[in-house]
Amino acid sequence: MTLPPESIEAGKCYLMKTGHLRRVVRLMPDGRIQYEHRPVHQANAKTWKPGMQSHHSFAELIEREIPCDWTPEADGDSA
């Protein structure tokens, strides 16, 4: 499922089709999204890495919105 780009918000986390979790840090005025990402099985704060992507490309890769401390083992919502 692709989310509409206008529904992406800073502070929210998304499970991506790539298998990573991304937390939106900032929506840039030039149309890019500043984010942090981590592998889905590593929920600790040290695993977050920075990234930047166009708003449209970011939206196309979203599978669904999830809690920022999400892991597959704790998933109560089946996709």
C-alpha atoms as a PDB file:
ATOM      1  CA  MET A   1       0.000   0.000   0.000  1.00  0.00           C
ATOM      2  CA  THR A   2       1.374   3.406  -0.927  1.00  0.00           C
ATOM      3  CA  LEU A   3       0.461   6.231   1.435  1.00  0.00           C
ATOM      4  CA  PRO A   4      -0.493   9.633   0.029  1.00  0.00           C
ATOM      5  CA  PRO A   5       2.567  11.905   0.383  1.00  0.00           C
ATOM      6  CA  GLU A   6       0.503  14.533   2.218  1.00  0.00           C
ATOM      7  CA  SER A   7      -0.242  12.069   5.045  1.00  0.00           C
ATOM      8  CA  ILE A   8       3.445  11.692   6.022  1.00  0.00           C
ATOM      9  CA  GLU A   9       4.235  13.539   9.253  1.00  0.00           C
ATOM     10  CA  ALA A  10       7.341  14.301  11.311  1.00  0.00           C
ATOM     11  CA  GLY A  11       7.609  12.108  14.398  1.00  0.00           C
ATOM     12  CA  LYS A  12       5.739   9.167  12.850  1.00  0.00           C
ATOM     13  CA  CYS A  13       7.305   5.832  11.947  1.00  0.00           C
ATOM     14  CA  TYR A  14       6.668   3.702   8.901  1.00  0.00           C
ATOM     15  CA  LEU A  15       7.462   0.128   7.919  1.00  0.00           C
ATOM     16  CA  MET A  16       8.950   0.261   4.432  1.00  0.00           C
ATOM     17  CA  LYS A  17       8.687  -2.262   1.619  1.00  0.00           C
ATOM     18  CA  THR A  18      12.495  -2.532   1.928  1.00  0.00           C
ATOM     19  CA  GLY A  19      12.108  -4.142   5.365  1.00  0.00           C
ATOM     20  CA  HIS A  20      13.374  -1.157   7.330  1.00  0.00           C
ATOM     21  CA  LEU A  21      11.603   1.030   9.827  1.00  0.00           C
ATOM     22  CA  ARG A  22      11.864   4.779   9.154  1.00  0.00           C
ATOM     23  CA  ARG A  23      11.149   7.618  11.573  1.00  0.00           C
ATOM     24  CA  VAL A  24      10.433  10.970   9.918  1.00  0.00           C
ATOM     25  CA  VAL A  25      12.566  13.691  11.498  1.00  0.00           C
ATOM     26  CA  ARG A  26      11.688  16.670   9.297  1.00  0.00           C
ATOM     27  CA  LEU A  27       9.742  17.574   6.180  1.00  0.00           C
ATOM     28  CA  MET A  28      12.068  19.875   4.211  1.00  0.00           C
ATOM     29  CA  PRO A  29      10.729  22.932   2.307  1.00  0.00           C
ATOM     30  CA  ASP A  30      12.335  21.635  -0.913  1.00  0.00           C
ATOM     31  CA  GLY A  31      10.212  18.459  -0.895  1.00  0.00           C
ATOM     32  CA  ARG A  32      12.672  16.050   0.725  1.00  0.00           C
ATOM     33  CA  ILE A  33      12.165  14.059   3.907  1.00  0.00           C
ATOM     34  CA  GLN A  34      14.870  13.822   6.543  1.00  0.00           C
ATOM     35  CA  TYR A  35      14.512  10.509   8.366  1.00  0.00           C
ATOM     36  CA  GLU A  36      16.240   7.951  10.540  1.00  0.00           C
ATOM     37  CA  HIS A  37      16.074   4.239   9.762  1.00  0.00           C
ATOM     38  CA  ARG A  38      16.854   0.968  11.476  1.00  0.00           C
ATOM     39  CA  PRO A  39      16.477  -2.753  10.867  1.00  0.00           C
ATOM     40  CA  VAL A  40      13.109  -4.072  12.092  1.00  0.00           C
ATOM     41  CA  HIS A  41      14.648  -6.486  14.635  1.00  0.00           C
ATOM     42  CA  GLN A  42      16.776  -3.874  16.449  1.00  0.00           C
ATOM     43  CA  ALA A  43      14.578  -1.539  18.475  1.00  0.00           C
ATOM     44  CA  ASN A  44      17.299   0.163  20.537  1.00  0.00           C
ATOM     45  CA  ALA A  45      18.177   3.835  20.036  1.00  0.00           C
ATOM     46  CA  LYS A  46      21.765   3.169  18.892  1.00  0.00           C
ATOM     47  CA  THR A  47      20.662   1.455  15.676  1.00  0.00           C
ATOM     48  CA  TRP A  48      19.013   4.545  14.067  1.00  0.00           C
ATOM     49  CA  LYS A  49      20.939   5.925  11.044  1.00  0.00           C
ATOM     50  CA  PRO A  50      20.217   9.191   9.171  1.00  0.00           C
ATOM     51  CA  GLY A  51      18.798   9.410   5.664  1.00  0.00           C
ATOM     52  CA  MET A  52      17.196  11.801   3.162  1.00  0.00           C
ATOM     53  CA  GLN A  53      14.801  11.063   0.307  1.00  0.00           C
ATOM     54  CA  SER A  54      12.301  12.856  -1.914  1.00  0.00           C
ATOM     55  CA  HIS A  55       8.811  13.063  -0.458  1.00  0.00           C
ATOM     56  CA  HIS A  56       7.280  11.176  -3.390  1.00  0.00           C
ATOM     57  CA  SER A  57       9.849   8.336  -3.368  1.00  0.00           C
ATOM     58  CA  PHE A  58       9.533   7.967   0.402  1.00  0.00           C
ATOM     59  CA  ALA A  59       5.734   7.679   0.132  1.00  0.00           C
ATOM     60  CA  GLU A  60       5.945   5.009  -2.579  1.00  0.00           C
ATOM     61  CA  LEU A  61       8.047   2.757  -0.332  1.00  0.00           C
ATOM     62  CA  ILE A  62       5.728   2.835   2.709  1.00  0.00           C
ATOM     63  CA  GLU A  63       4.026  -0.405   3.606  1.00  0.00           C
ATOM     64  CA  ARG A  64       2.192   1.002   6.656  1.00  0.00           C
ATOM     65  CA  GLU A  65       2.489   3.308   9.668  1.00  0.00           C
ATOM     66  CA  ILE A  66       3.714   1.592  12.854  1.00  0.00           C
ATOM     67  CA  PRO A  67       4.831   2.515  16.393  1.00  0.00           C
ATOM     68  CA  CYS A  68       8.471   3.645  16.546  1.00  0.00           C
ATOM     69  CA  ASP A  69       9.396   0.798  18.917  1.00  0.00           C
ATOM     70  CA  TRP A  70       7.852  -1.785  16.567  1.00  0.00           C
ATOM     71  CA  THR A  71       9.404  -5.209  16.024  1.00  0.00           C
ATOM     72  CA  PRO A  72       7.917  -8.172  14.121  1.00  0.00           C
ATOM     73  CA  GLU A  73       7.699 -10.143  17.372  1.00  0.00           C
ATOM     74  CA  ALA A  74       5.593  -7.438  19.045  1.00  0.00           C
ATOM     75  CA  ASP A  75       3.359  -6.854  16.020  1.00  0.00           C
ATOM     76  CA  GLY A  76      -0.296  -7.013  17.021  1.00  0.00           C
ATOM     77  CA  ASP A  77      -1.419  -5.782  13.584  1.00  0.00           C
ATOM     78  CA  SER A  78      -1.012  -8.313  10.807  1.00  0.00           C
ATOM     79  CA  ALA A  79      -0.344  -6.711   7.450  1.00  0.00           C
END
